[in-house]
Full PDB file with SEQRES, HELIX, SHEET, SSBOND, CRYST1, ORIGX, SCALE, CONECT and MASTER records, all heavy atoms in Angstrom:
SEQRES   1 A   44  ASN SER ARG VAL GLN VAL PHE ASP LYS ASN GLY ASN PHE          
SEQRES   2 A   44  LEU THR ALA TYR GLY GLN PRO ALA VAL ASN ALA SER GLY          
SEQRES   3 A   44  GLN ILE VAL PRO PRO PRO ALA LEU ASP GLY PRO PRO TYR          
SEQRES   4 A   44  GLY ASN PRO LEU ASP                                          
SHEET    1 AA1 2 VAL A   4  PHE A   7  0                                        
SHEET    2 AA1 2 PHE A  13  TYR A  17 -1                                        
CRYST1    1.000    1.000    1.000  90.00  90.00  90.00 P 1           1          
ORIGX1      1.000000  0.000000  0.000000        0.00000                         
ORIGX2      0.000000  1.000000  0.000000        0.00000                         
ORIGX3      0.000000  0.000000  1.000000        0.00000                         
SCALE1      1.000000  0.000000  0.000000        0.00000                         
SCALE2      0.000000  1.000000  0.000000        0.00000                         
SCALE3      0.000000  0.000000  1.000000        0.00000                         
ATOM      1  N   ASN A   1       0.818  -1.218   0.000  1.00  0.00           N  
ATOM      2  CA  ASN A   1       0.000   0.000   0.000  1.00  0.00           C  
ATOM      3  C   ASN A   1       0.852   1.268   0.000  1.00  0.00           C  
ATOM      4  O   ASN A   1       0.311   2.384  -0.028  1.00  0.00           O  
ATOM      5  CB  ASN A   1      -0.950   0.020   1.197  1.00  0.00           C  
ATOM      6  CG  ASN A   1      -2.120  -0.932   1.035  1.00  0.00           C  
ATOM      7  OD1 ASN A   1      -2.590  -1.172  -0.077  1.00  0.00           O  
ATOM      8  ND2 ASN A   1      -2.590  -1.497   2.136  1.00  0.00           N  
ATOM      9  N   SER A   2       2.164   1.102   0.052  1.00  0.00           N  
ATOM     10  CA  SER A   2       3.119   2.216  -0.108  1.00  0.00           C  
ATOM     11  C   SER A   2       2.860   3.357   0.870  1.00  0.00           C  
ATOM     12  O   SER A   2       2.782   4.530   0.485  1.00  0.00           O  
ATOM     13  CB  SER A   2       3.092   2.741  -1.558  1.00  0.00           C  
ATOM     14  OG  SER A   2       3.511   1.742  -2.465  1.00  0.00           O  
ATOM     15  N   ARG A   3       2.776   3.003   2.144  1.00  0.00           N  
ATOM     16  CA  ARG A   3       2.519   4.013   3.167  1.00  0.00           C  
ATOM     17  C   ARG A   3       2.999   3.501   4.521  1.00  0.00           C  
ATOM     18  O   ARG A   3       3.341   2.329   4.675  1.00  0.00           O  
ATOM     19  CB  ARG A   3       1.022   4.328   3.238  1.00  0.00           C  
ATOM     20  CG  ARG A   3       0.172   3.132   3.680  1.00  0.00           C  
ATOM     21  CD  ARG A   3      -1.308   3.386   3.576  1.00  0.00           C  
ATOM     22  NE  ARG A   3      -2.073   2.195   3.949  1.00  0.00           N  
ATOM     23  CZ  ARG A   3      -3.399   2.081   3.853  1.00  0.00           C  
ATOM     24  NH1 ARG A   3      -4.114   3.092   3.368  1.00  0.00           N  
ATOM     25  NH2 ARG A   3      -4.018   0.969   4.228  1.00  0.00           N  
ATOM     26  N   VAL A   4       3.001   4.411   5.476  1.00  0.00           N  
ATOM     27  CA  VAL A   4       3.212   4.070   6.879  1.00  0.00           C  
ATOM     28  C   VAL A   4       1.927   4.385   7.620  1.00  0.00           C  
ATOM     29  O   VAL A   4       1.316   5.445   7.404  1.00  0.00           O  
ATOM     30  CB  VAL A   4       4.372   4.890   7.483  1.00  0.00           C  
ATOM     31  CG1 VAL A   4       4.506   4.605   8.977  1.00  0.00           C  
ATOM     32  CG2 VAL A   4       5.671   4.582   6.764  1.00  0.00           C  
ATOM     33  N   GLN A   5       1.501   3.474   8.483  1.00  0.00           N  
ATOM     34  CA  GLN A   5       0.339   3.722   9.322  1.00  0.00           C  
ATOM     35  C   GLN A   5       0.763   3.733  10.789  1.00  0.00           C  
ATOM     36  O   GLN A   5       1.676   3.009  11.181  1.00  0.00           O  
ATOM     37  CB  GLN A   5      -0.735   2.659   9.109  1.00  0.00           C  
ATOM     38  CG  GLN A   5      -1.297   2.626   7.694  1.00  0.00           C  
ATOM     39  CD  GLN A   5      -2.595   1.837   7.629  1.00  0.00           C  
ATOM     40  OE1 GLN A   5      -3.627   2.266   8.120  1.00  0.00           O  
ATOM     41  NE2 GLN A   5      -2.536   0.666   7.008  1.00  0.00           N  
ATOM     42  N   VAL A   6       0.083   4.552  11.581  1.00  0.00           N  
ATOM     43  CA  VAL A   6       0.398   4.685  12.996  1.00  0.00           C  
ATOM     44  C   VAL A   6      -0.846   4.350  13.814  1.00  0.00           C  
ATOM     45  O   VAL A   6      -1.957   4.797  13.491  1.00  0.00           O  
ATOM     46  CB  VAL A   6       0.879   6.107  13.341  1.00  0.00           C  
ATOM     47  CG1 VAL A   6       1.377   6.158  14.792  1.00  0.00           C  
ATOM     48  CG2 VAL A   6       1.989   6.548  12.389  1.00  0.00           C  
ATOM     49  N   PHE A   7      -0.645   3.583  14.886  1.00  0.00           N  
ATOM     50  CA  PHE A   7      -1.723   3.142  15.756  1.00  0.00           C  
ATOM     51  C   PHE A   7      -1.327   3.406  17.209  1.00  0.00           C  
ATOM     52  O   PHE A   7      -0.145   3.442  17.547  1.00  0.00           O  
ATOM     53  CB  PHE A   7      -1.987   1.636  15.577  1.00  0.00           C  
ATOM     54  CG  PHE A   7      -2.313   1.244  14.160  1.00  0.00           C  
ATOM     55  CD1 PHE A   7      -1.296   1.024  13.230  1.00  0.00           C  
ATOM     56  CD2 PHE A   7      -3.620   1.094  13.747  1.00  0.00           C  
ATOM     57  CE1 PHE A   7      -1.585   0.670  11.924  1.00  0.00           C  
ATOM     58  CE2 PHE A   7      -3.925   0.737  12.442  1.00  0.00           C  
ATOM     59  CZ  PHE A   7      -2.906   0.528  11.529  1.00  0.00           C  
ATOM     60  N   ASP A   8      -2.333   3.561  18.072  1.00  0.00           N  
ATOM     61  CA  ASP A   8      -2.003   3.671  19.485  1.00  0.00           C  
ATOM     62  C   ASP A   8      -1.751   2.283  20.058  1.00  0.00           C  
ATOM     63  O   ASP A   8      -1.815   1.278  19.346  1.00  0.00           O  
ATOM     64  CB  ASP A   8      -3.081   4.450  20.246  1.00  0.00           C  
ATOM     65  CG  ASP A   8      -4.402   3.698  20.405  1.00  0.00           C  
ATOM     66  OD1 ASP A   8      -4.455   2.475  20.148  1.00  0.00           O  
ATOM     67  OD2 ASP A   8      -5.401   4.332  20.798  1.00  0.00           O  
ATOM     68  N   LYS A   9      -1.451   2.210  21.354  1.00  0.00           N  
ATOM     69  CA  LYS A   9      -1.051   0.939  21.962  1.00  0.00           C  
ATOM     70  C   LYS A   9      -2.169  -0.093  21.971  1.00  0.00           C  
ATOM     71  O   LYS A   9      -1.908  -1.285  22.159  1.00  0.00           O  
ATOM     72  CB  LYS A   9      -0.544   1.174  23.375  1.00  0.00           C  
ATOM     73  CG  LYS A   9      -1.588   1.715  24.343  1.00  0.00           C  
ATOM     74  CD  LYS A   9      -0.975   1.957  25.707  1.00  0.00           C  
ATOM     75  CE  LYS A   9      -2.005   2.509  26.691  1.00  0.00           C  
ATOM     76  NZ  LYS A   9      -1.394   2.760  28.021  1.00  0.00           N  
ATOM     77  N   ASN A  10      -3.406   0.345  21.759  1.00  0.00           N  
ATOM     78  CA  ASN A  10      -4.534  -0.573  21.708  1.00  0.00           C  
ATOM     79  C   ASN A  10      -4.922  -0.954  20.287  1.00  0.00           C  
ATOM     80  O   ASN A  10      -5.929  -1.628  20.081  1.00  0.00           O  
ATOM     81  CB  ASN A  10      -5.739   0.041  22.417  1.00  0.00           C  
ATOM     82  CG  ASN A  10      -5.478   0.284  23.887  1.00  0.00           C  
ATOM     83  OD1 ASN A  10      -4.979  -0.594  24.591  1.00  0.00           O  
ATOM     84  ND2 ASN A  10      -5.784   1.479  24.366  1.00  0.00           N  
ATOM     85  N   GLY A  11      -4.137  -0.502  19.310  1.00  0.00           N  
ATOM     86  CA  GLY A  11      -4.409  -0.853  17.929  1.00  0.00           C  
ATOM     87  C   GLY A  11      -5.384   0.057  17.227  1.00  0.00           C  
ATOM     88  O   GLY A  11      -5.858  -0.271  16.131  1.00  0.00           O  
ATOM     89  N   ASN A  12      -5.698   1.203  17.847  1.00  0.00           N  
ATOM     90  CA  ASN A  12      -6.587   2.163  17.203  1.00  0.00           C  
ATOM     91  C   ASN A  12      -5.804   3.023  16.208  1.00  0.00           C  
ATOM     92  O   ASN A  12      -4.732   3.534  16.539  1.00  0.00           O  
ATOM     93  CB  ASN A  12      -7.246   3.066  18.246  1.00  0.00           C  
ATOM     94  CG  ASN A  12      -8.082   2.287  19.237  1.00  0.00           C  
ATOM     95  OD1 ASN A  12      -8.967   1.533  18.855  1.00  0.00           O  
ATOM     96  ND2 ASN A  12      -7.797   2.453  20.519  1.00  0.00           N  
ATOM     97  N   PHE A  13      -6.352   3.192  15.025  1.00  0.00           N  
ATOM     98  CA  PHE A  13      -5.687   3.968  13.974  1.00  0.00           C  
ATOM     99  C   PHE A  13      -5.541   5.426  14.386  1.00  0.00           C  
ATOM    100  O   PHE A  13      -6.480   6.049  14.897  1.00  0.00           O  
ATOM    101  CB  PHE A  13      -6.478   3.865  12.670  1.00  0.00           C  
ATOM    102  CG  PHE A  13      -5.959   4.762  11.578  1.00  0.00           C  
ATOM    103  CD1 PHE A  13      -4.882   4.369  10.805  1.00  0.00           C  
ATOM    104  CD2 PHE A  13      -6.537   6.003  11.340  1.00  0.00           C  
ATOM    105  CE1 PHE A  13      -4.394   5.194   9.805  1.00  0.00           C  
ATOM    106  CE2 PHE A  13      -6.059   6.837  10.344  1.00  0.00           C  
ATOM    107  CZ  PHE A  13      -4.983   6.431   9.576  1.00  0.00           C  
ATOM    108  N   LEU A  14      -4.341   5.987  14.149  1.00  0.00           N  
ATOM    109  CA  LEU A  14      -4.082   7.393  14.440  1.00  0.00           C  
ATOM    110  C   LEU A  14      -3.859   8.220  13.181  1.00  0.00           C  
ATOM    111  O   LEU A  14      -4.490   9.247  12.987  1.00  0.00           O  
ATOM    112  CB  LEU A  14      -2.864   7.532  15.365  1.00  0.00           C  
ATOM    113  CG  LEU A  14      -2.984   6.953  16.771  1.00  0.00           C  
ATOM    114  CD1 LEU A  14      -1.675   7.132  17.525  1.00  0.00           C  
ATOM    115  CD2 LEU A  14      -4.138   7.602  17.525  1.00  0.00           C  
ATOM    116  N   THR A  15      -2.945   7.788  12.328  1.00  0.00           N  
ATOM    117  CA  THR A  15      -2.647   8.562  11.130  1.00  0.00           C  
ATOM    118  C   THR A  15      -1.924   7.682  10.114  1.00  0.00           C  
ATOM    119  O   THR A  15      -1.518   6.558  10.421  1.00  0.00           O  
ATOM    120  CB  THR A  15      -1.781   9.795  11.480  1.00  0.00           C  
ATOM    121  OG1 THR A  15      -1.720  10.675  10.353  1.00  0.00           O  
ATOM    122  CG2 THR A  15      -0.360   9.401  11.848  1.00  0.00           C  
ATOM    123  N   ALA A  16      -1.767   8.209   8.914  1.00  0.00           N  
ATOM    124  CA  ALA A  16      -1.038   7.508   7.856  1.00  0.00           C  
ATOM    125  C   ALA A  16      -0.255   8.527   7.046  1.00  0.00           C  
ATOM    126  O   ALA A  16      -0.599   9.714   7.003  1.00  0.00           O  
ATOM    127  CB  ALA A  16      -1.987   6.732   6.947  1.00  0.00           C  
ATOM    128  N   TYR A  17       0.806   8.048   6.413  1.00  0.00           N  
ATOM    129  CA  TYR A  17       1.627   8.918   5.564  1.00  0.00           C  
ATOM    130  C   TYR A  17       2.105   8.113   4.365  1.00  0.00           C  
ATOM    131  O   TYR A  17       2.567   6.977   4.502  1.00  0.00           O  
ATOM    132  CB  TYR A  17       2.841   9.443   6.338  1.00  0.00           C  
ATOM    133  CG  TYR A  17       3.734  10.349   5.502  1.00  0.00           C  
ATOM    134  CD1 TYR A  17       3.506  11.712   5.446  1.00  0.00           C  
ATOM    135  CD2 TYR A  17       4.778   9.818   4.741  1.00  0.00           C  
ATOM    136  CE1 TYR A  17       4.303  12.540   4.665  1.00  0.00           C  
ATOM    137  CE2 TYR A  17       5.569  10.630   3.957  1.00  0.00           C  
ATOM    138  CZ  TYR A  17       5.336  11.991   3.922  1.00  0.00           C  
ATOM    139  OH  TYR A  17       6.108  12.804   3.137  1.00  0.00           O  
ATOM    140  N   GLY A  18       2.044   8.727   3.189  1.00  0.00           N  
ATOM    141  CA  GLY A  18       2.586   8.113   1.985  1.00  0.00           C  
ATOM    142  C   GLY A  18       1.527   7.749   0.971  1.00  0.00           C  
ATOM    143  O   GLY A  18       0.368   7.467   1.309  1.00  0.00           O  
ATOM    144  N   GLN A  19       1.942   7.753  -0.291  1.00  0.00           N  
ATOM    145  CA  GLN A  19       1.093   7.371  -1.407  1.00  0.00           C  
ATOM    146  C   GLN A  19       1.924   6.581  -2.410  1.00  0.00           C  
ATOM    147  O   GLN A  19       3.151   6.726  -2.469  1.00  0.00           O  
ATOM    148  CB  GLN A  19       0.509   8.605  -2.097  1.00  0.00           C  
ATOM    149  CG  GLN A  19      -0.428   9.424  -1.244  1.00  0.00           C  
ATOM    150  CD  GLN A  19      -0.939  10.648  -1.984  1.00  0.00           C  
ATOM    151  OE1 GLN A  19      -0.327  11.116  -2.942  1.00  0.00           O  
ATOM    152  NE2 GLN A  19      -2.073  11.167  -1.542  1.00  0.00           N  
ATOM    153  N   PRO A  20       1.274   5.762  -3.242  1.00  0.00           N  
ATOM    154  CA  PRO A  20       2.028   5.020  -4.253  1.00  0.00           C  
ATOM    155  C   PRO A  20       2.643   5.942  -5.299  1.00  0.00           C  
ATOM    156  O   PRO A  20       2.061   6.967  -5.667  1.00  0.00           O  
ATOM    157  CB  PRO A  20       0.969   4.105  -4.885  1.00  0.00           C  
ATOM    158  CG  PRO A  20      -0.127   4.023  -3.884  1.00  0.00           C  
ATOM    159  CD  PRO A  20      -0.136   5.355  -3.195  1.00  0.00           C  
ATOM    160  N   ALA A  21       3.823   5.573  -5.779  1.00  0.00           N  
ATOM    161  CA  ALA A  21       4.431   6.265  -6.911  1.00  0.00           C  
ATOM    162  C   ALA A  21       3.545   6.100  -8.135  1.00  0.00           C  
ATOM    163  O   ALA A  21       2.950   5.032  -8.358  1.00  0.00           O  
ATOM    164  CB  ALA A  21       5.820   5.700  -7.182  1.00  0.00           C  
ATOM    165  N   VAL A  22       3.445   7.170  -8.952  1.00  0.00           N  
ATOM    166  CA  VAL A  22       2.599   7.127 -10.143  1.00  0.00           C  
ATOM    167  C   VAL A  22       3.385   7.620 -11.355  1.00  0.00           C  
ATOM    168  O   VAL A  22       4.380   8.342 -11.228  1.00  0.00           O  
ATOM    169  CB  VAL A  22       1.319   7.973  -9.963  1.00  0.00           C  
ATOM    170  CG1 VAL A  22       0.438   7.402  -8.864  1.00  0.00           C  
ATOM    171  CG2 VAL A  22       1.660   9.433  -9.672  1.00  0.00           C  
ATOM    172  N   ASN A  23       2.922   7.234 -12.529  1.00  0.00           N  
ATOM    173  CA  ASN A  23       3.541   7.715 -13.764  1.00  0.00           C  
ATOM    174  C   ASN A  23       2.855   9.002 -14.224  1.00  0.00           C  
ATOM    175  O   ASN A  23       1.987   9.548 -13.527  1.00  0.00           O  
ATOM    176  CB  ASN A  23       3.504   6.632 -14.849  1.00  0.00           C  
ATOM    177  CG  ASN A  23       2.092   6.209 -15.221  1.00  0.00           C  
ATOM    178  OD1 ASN A  23       1.120   6.947 -15.010  1.00  0.00           O  
ATOM    179  ND2 ASN A  23       1.956   5.015 -15.780  1.00  0.00           N  
ATOM    180  N   ALA A  24       3.231   9.481 -15.401  1.00  0.00           N  
ATOM    181  CA  ALA A  24       2.705  10.760 -15.888  1.00  0.00           C  
ATOM    182  C   ALA A  24       1.195  10.724 -16.114  1.00  0.00           C  
ATOM    183  O   ALA A  24       0.540  11.763 -16.108  1.00  0.00           O  
ATOM    184  CB  ALA A  24       3.411  11.140 -17.191  1.00  0.00           C  
ATOM    185  N   SER A  25       0.646   9.531 -16.284  1.00  0.00           N  
ATOM    186  CA  SER A  25      -0.802   9.386 -16.484  1.00  0.00           C  
ATOM    187  C   SER A  25      -1.551   9.176 -15.179  1.00  0.00           C  
ATOM    188  O   SER A  25      -2.769   8.988 -15.184  1.00  0.00           O  
ATOM    189  CB  SER A  25      -1.081   8.216 -17.431  1.00  0.00           C  
ATOM    190  OG  SER A  25      -0.457   8.420 -18.686  1.00  0.00           O  
ATOM    191  N   GLY A  26      -0.813   9.188 -14.067  1.00  0.00           N  
ATOM    192  CA  GLY A  26      -1.447   8.996 -12.774  1.00  0.00           C  
ATOM    193  C   GLY A  26      -1.664   7.553 -12.390  1.00  0.00           C  
ATOM    194  O   GLY A  26      -2.332   7.266 -11.392  1.00  0.00           O  
ATOM    195  N   GLN A  27      -1.102   6.623 -13.160  1.00  0.00           N  
ATOM    196  CA  GLN A  27      -1.239   5.201 -12.847  1.00  0.00           C  
ATOM    197  C   GLN A  27      -0.143   4.773 -11.883  1.00  0.00           C  
ATOM    198  O   GLN A  27       0.991   5.249 -11.958  1.00  0.00           O  
ATOM    199  CB  GLN A  27      -1.152   4.376 -14.134  1.00  0.00           C  
ATOM    200  CG  GLN A  27      -2.256   4.686 -15.141  1.00  0.00           C  
ATOM    201  CD  GLN A  27      -2.019   4.001 -16.471  1.00  0.00           C  
ATOM    202  OE1 GLN A  27      -0.893   3.972 -16.979  1.00  0.00           O  
ATOM    203  NE2 GLN A  27      -3.077   3.461 -17.056  1.00  0.00           N  
ATOM    204  N   ILE A  28      -0.482   3.867 -10.980  1.00  0.00           N  
ATOM    205  CA  ILE A  28       0.495   3.385 -10.000  1.00  0.00           C  
ATOM    206  C   ILE A  28       1.621   2.635 -10.701  1.00  0.00           C  
ATOM    207  O   ILE A  28       1.385   1.786 -11.566  1.00  0.00           O  
ATOM    208  CB  ILE A  28      -0.195   2.482  -8.966  1.00  0.00           C  
ATOM    209  CG1 ILE A  28      -1.180   3.309  -8.115  1.00  0.00           C  
ATOM    210  CG2 ILE A  28       0.830   1.807  -8.067  1.00  0.00           C  
ATOM    211  CD1 ILE A  28      -1.971   2.493  -7.122  1.00  0.00           C  
ATOM    212  N   VAL A  29       2.846   2.965 -10.343  1.00  0.00           N  
ATOM    213  CA  VAL A  29       4.016   2.315 -10.933  1.00  0.00           C  
ATOM    214  C   VAL A  29       4.189   0.939 -10.294  1.00  0.00           C  
ATOM    215  O   VAL A  29       4.295   0.827  -9.064  1.00  0.00           O  
ATOM    216  CB  VAL A  29       5.288   3.156 -10.714  1.00  0.00           C  
ATOM    217  CG1 VAL A  29       6.501   2.456 -11.326  1.00  0.00           C  
ATOM    218  CG2 VAL A  29       5.119   4.550 -11.302  1.00  0.00           C  
ATOM    219  N   PRO A  30       4.220  -0.131 -11.091  1.00  0.00           N  
ATOM    220  CA  PRO A  30       4.376  -1.470 -10.511  1.00  0.00           C  
ATOM    221  C   PRO A  30       5.802  -1.705 -10.042  1.00  0.00           C  
ATOM    222  O   PRO A  30       6.733  -1.008 -10.467  1.00  0.00           O  
ATOM    223  CB  PRO A  30       4.025  -2.396 -11.684  1.00  0.00           C  
ATOM    224  CG  PRO A  30       4.402  -1.604 -12.900  1.00  0.00           C  
ATOM    225  CD  PRO A  30       4.083  -0.162 -12.560  1.00  0.00           C  
ATOM    226  N   PRO A  31       6.010  -2.687  -9.167  1.00  0.00           N  
ATOM    227  CA  PRO A  31       7.374  -3.036  -8.768  1.00  0.00           C  
ATOM    228  C   PRO A  31       8.133  -3.636  -9.952  1.00  0.00           C  
ATOM    229  O   PRO A  31       7.517  -4.131 -10.903  1.00  0.00           O  
ATOM    230  CB  PRO A  31       7.169  -4.067  -7.659  1.00  0.00           C  
ATOM    231  CG  PRO A  31       5.825  -4.653  -7.929  1.00  0.00           C  
ATOM    232  CD  PRO A  31       4.998  -3.534  -8.500  1.00  0.00           C  
ATOM    233  N   PRO A  32       9.447  -3.602  -9.919  1.00  0.00           N  
ATOM    234  CA  PRO A  32      10.230  -4.120 -11.049  1.00  0.00           C  
ATOM    235  C   PRO A  32      10.246  -5.642 -11.086  1.00  0.00           C  
ATOM    236  O   PRO A  32       9.951  -6.311 -10.096  1.00  0.00           O  
ATOM    237  CB  PRO A  32      11.629  -3.575 -10.760  1.00  0.00           C  
ATOM    238  CG  PRO A  32      11.683  -3.471  -9.272  1.00  0.00           C  
ATOM    239  CD  PRO A  32      10.310  -3.058  -8.845  1.00  0.00           C  
ATOM    240  N   ALA A  33      10.603  -6.160 -12.249  1.00  0.00           N  
ATOM    241  CA  ALA A  33      10.780  -7.604 -12.386  1.00  0.00           C  
ATOM    242  C   ALA A  33      12.000  -8.050 -11.591  1.00  0.00           C  
ATOM    243  O   ALA A  33      12.958  -7.286 -11.402  1.00  0.00           O  
ATOM    244  CB  ALA A  33      10.951  -7.969 -13.859  1.00  0.00           C  
ATOM    245  N   LEU A  34      11.973  -9.283 -11.121  1.00  0.00           N  
ATOM    246  CA  LEU A  34      13.068  -9.785 -10.294  1.00  0.00           C  
ATOM    247  C   LEU A  34      14.385  -9.866 -11.048  1.00  0.00           C  
ATOM    248  O   LEU A  34      15.458  -9.776 -10.444  1.00  0.00           O  
ATOM    249  CB  LEU A  34      12.706 -11.172  -9.747  1.00  0.00           C  
ATOM    250  CG  LEU A  34      11.629 -11.218  -8.669  1.00  0.00           C  
ATOM    251  CD1 LEU A  34      11.317 -12.657  -8.307  1.00  0.00           C  
ATOM    252  CD2 LEU A  34      12.078 -10.441  -7.439  1.00  0.00           C  
ATOM    253  N   ASP A  35      14.324 -10.031 -12.367  1.00  0.00           N  
ATOM    254  CA  ASP A  35      15.553 -10.191 -13.147  1.00  0.00           C  
ATOM    255  C   ASP A  35      16.030  -8.879 -13.769  1.00  0.00           C  
ATOM    256  O   ASP A  35      16.940  -8.875 -14.604  1.00  0.00           O  
ATOM    257  CB  ASP A  35      15.365 -11.243 -14.240  1.00  0.00           C  
ATOM    258  CG  ASP A  35      14.210 -10.911 -15.186  1.00  0.00           C  
ATOM    259  OD1 ASP A  35      13.480  -9.931 -14.923  1.00  0.00           O  
ATOM    260  OD2 ASP A  35      14.039 -11.645 -16.182  1.00  0.00           O  
ATOM    261  N   GLY A  36      15.434  -7.756 -13.364  1.00  0.00           N  
ATOM    262  CA  GLY A  36      15.833  -6.476 -13.910  1.00  0.00           C  
ATOM    263  C   GLY A  36      16.378  -5.542 -12.855  1.00  0.00           C  
ATOM    264  O   GLY A  36      16.595  -5.949 -11.699  1.00  0.00           O  
ATOM    265  N   PRO A  37      16.621  -4.280 -13.211  1.00  0.00           N  
ATOM    266  CA  PRO A  37      17.080  -3.301 -12.227  1.00  0.00           C  
ATOM    267  C   PRO A  37      16.077  -3.172 -11.081  1.00  0.00           C  
ATOM    268  O   PRO A  37      14.867  -3.317 -11.296  1.00  0.00           O  
ATOM    269  CB  PRO A  37      17.169  -2.003 -13.038  1.00  0.00           C  
ATOM    270  CG  PRO A  37      17.322  -2.451 -14.462  1.00  0.00           C  
ATOM    271  CD  PRO A  37      16.530  -3.714 -14.570  1.00  0.00           C  
ATOM    272  N   PRO A  38      16.549  -2.900  -9.861  1.00  0.00           N  
ATOM    273  CA  PRO A  38      15.669  -2.922  -8.693  1.00  0.00           C  
ATOM    274  C   PRO A  38      14.880  -1.639  -8.477  1.00  0.00           C  
ATOM    275  O   PRO A  38      14.682  -1.208  -7.340  1.00  0.00           O  
ATOM    276  CB  PRO A  38      16.661  -3.153  -7.552  1.00  0.00           C  
ATOM    277  CG  PRO A  38      17.900  -2.469  -8.000  1.00  0.00           C  
ATOM    278  CD  PRO A  38      17.961  -2.684  -9.494  1.00  0.00           C  
ATOM    279  N   TYR A  39      14.439  -1.025  -9.565  1.00  0.00           N  
ATOM    280  CA  TYR A  39      13.714   0.234  -9.467  1.00  0.00           C  
ATOM    281  C   TYR A  39      12.428   0.179 -10.282  1.00  0.00           C  
ATOM    282  O   TYR A  39      12.361  -0.474 -11.336  1.00  0.00           O  
ATOM    283  CB  TYR A  39      14.558   1.406  -9.989  1.00  0.00           C  
ATOM    284  CG  TYR A  39      15.911   1.544  -9.342  1.00  0.00           C  
ATOM    285  CD1 TYR A  39      17.067   1.607 -10.112  1.00  0.00           C  
ATOM    286  CD2 TYR A  39      16.035   1.612  -7.953  1.00  0.00           C  
ATOM    287  CE1 TYR A  39      18.319   1.739  -9.525  1.00  0.00           C  
ATOM    288  CE2 TYR A  39      17.277   1.736  -7.352  1.00  0.00           C  
ATOM    289  CZ  TYR A  39      18.418   1.799  -8.140  1.00  0.00           C  
ATOM    290  OH  TYR A  39      19.650   1.927  -7.551  1.00  0.00           O  
ATOM    291  N   GLY A  40      11.405   0.881  -9.796  1.00  0.00           N  
ATOM    292  CA  GLY A  40      10.216   1.049 -10.595  1.00  0.00           C  
ATOM    293  C   GLY A  40      10.503   1.937 -11.794  1.00  0.00           C  
ATOM    294  O   GLY A  40      11.432   2.742 -11.789  1.00  0.00           O  
ATOM    295  N   ASN A  41       9.689   1.785 -12.841  1.00  0.00           N  
ATOM    296  CA  ASN A  41       9.886   2.575 -14.052  1.00  0.00           C  
ATOM    297  C   ASN A  41       8.539   3.132 -14.509  1.00  0.00           C  
ATOM    298  O   ASN A  41       7.655   2.373 -14.902  1.00  0.00           O  
ATOM    299  CB  ASN A  41      10.497   1.712 -15.147  1.00  0.00           C  
ATOM    300  CG  ASN A  41      10.854   2.505 -16.392  1.00  0.00           C  
ATOM    301  OD1 ASN A  41      10.933   3.727 -16.357  1.00  0.00           O  
ATOM    302  ND2 ASN A  41      11.067   1.804 -17.496  1.00  0.00           N  
ATOM    303  N   PRO A  42       8.390   4.461 -14.398  1.00  0.00           N  
ATOM    304  CA  PRO A  42       9.393   5.469 -14.030  1.00  0.00           C  
ATOM    305  C   PRO A  42       9.502   5.647 -12.516  1.00  0.00           C  
ATOM    306  O   PRO A  42       8.665   5.145 -11.764  1.00  0.00           O  
ATOM    307  CB  PRO A  42       8.841   6.743 -14.678  1.00  0.00           C  
ATOM    308  CG  PRO A  42       7.356   6.567 -14.559  1.00  0.00           C  
ATOM    309  CD  PRO A  42       7.106   5.100 -14.806  1.00  0.00           C  
ATOM    310  N   LEU A  43      10.534   6.357 -12.108  1.00  0.00           N  
ATOM    311  CA  LEU A  43      10.665   6.759 -10.713  1.00  0.00           C  
ATOM    312  C   LEU A  43       9.744   7.948 -10.438  1.00  0.00           C  
ATOM    313  O   LEU A  43       9.518   8.779 -11.319  1.00  0.00           O  
ATOM    314  CB  LEU A  43      12.114   7.144 -10.402  1.00  0.00           C  
ATOM    315  CG  LEU A  43      13.156   6.030 -10.496  1.00  0.00           C  
ATOM    316  CD1 LEU A  43      14.554   6.614 -10.458  1.00  0.00           C  
ATOM    317  CD2 LEU A  43      12.962   5.017  -9.380  1.00  0.00           C  
ATOM    318  N   ASP A  44       9.220   8.010  -9.235  1.00  0.00           N  
ATOM    319  CA  ASP A  44       8.422   9.154  -8.795  1.00  0.00           C  
ATOM    320  C   ASP A  44       9.006   9.597  -7.455  1.00  0.00           C  
ATOM    321  O   ASP A  44       8.613   9.104  -6.396  1.00  0.00           O  
ATOM    322  CB  ASP A  44       6.952   8.755  -8.648  1.00  0.00           C  
ATOM    323  CG  ASP A  44       6.050   9.917  -8.229  1.00  0.00           C  
ATOM    324  OD1 ASP A  44       6.581  11.030  -8.022  1.00  0.00           O  
ATOM    325  OD2 ASP A  44       4.833   9.702  -8.102  1.00  0.00           O  
TER     326      ASP A  44                                                      
MASTER        0    0    0    0    2    0    0    6  325    1    0    4          
END                                                                             
């Protein structure tokens, strides 16, 4: 989900930060193939 979530000690949701990387069309950039460079294409 490409984010960090924060909860209190009882597991109640407090806040979240982060969004998925997207390309110029606003589509989520998928993770790279295992046999290729270790970066999404394109980088955001």
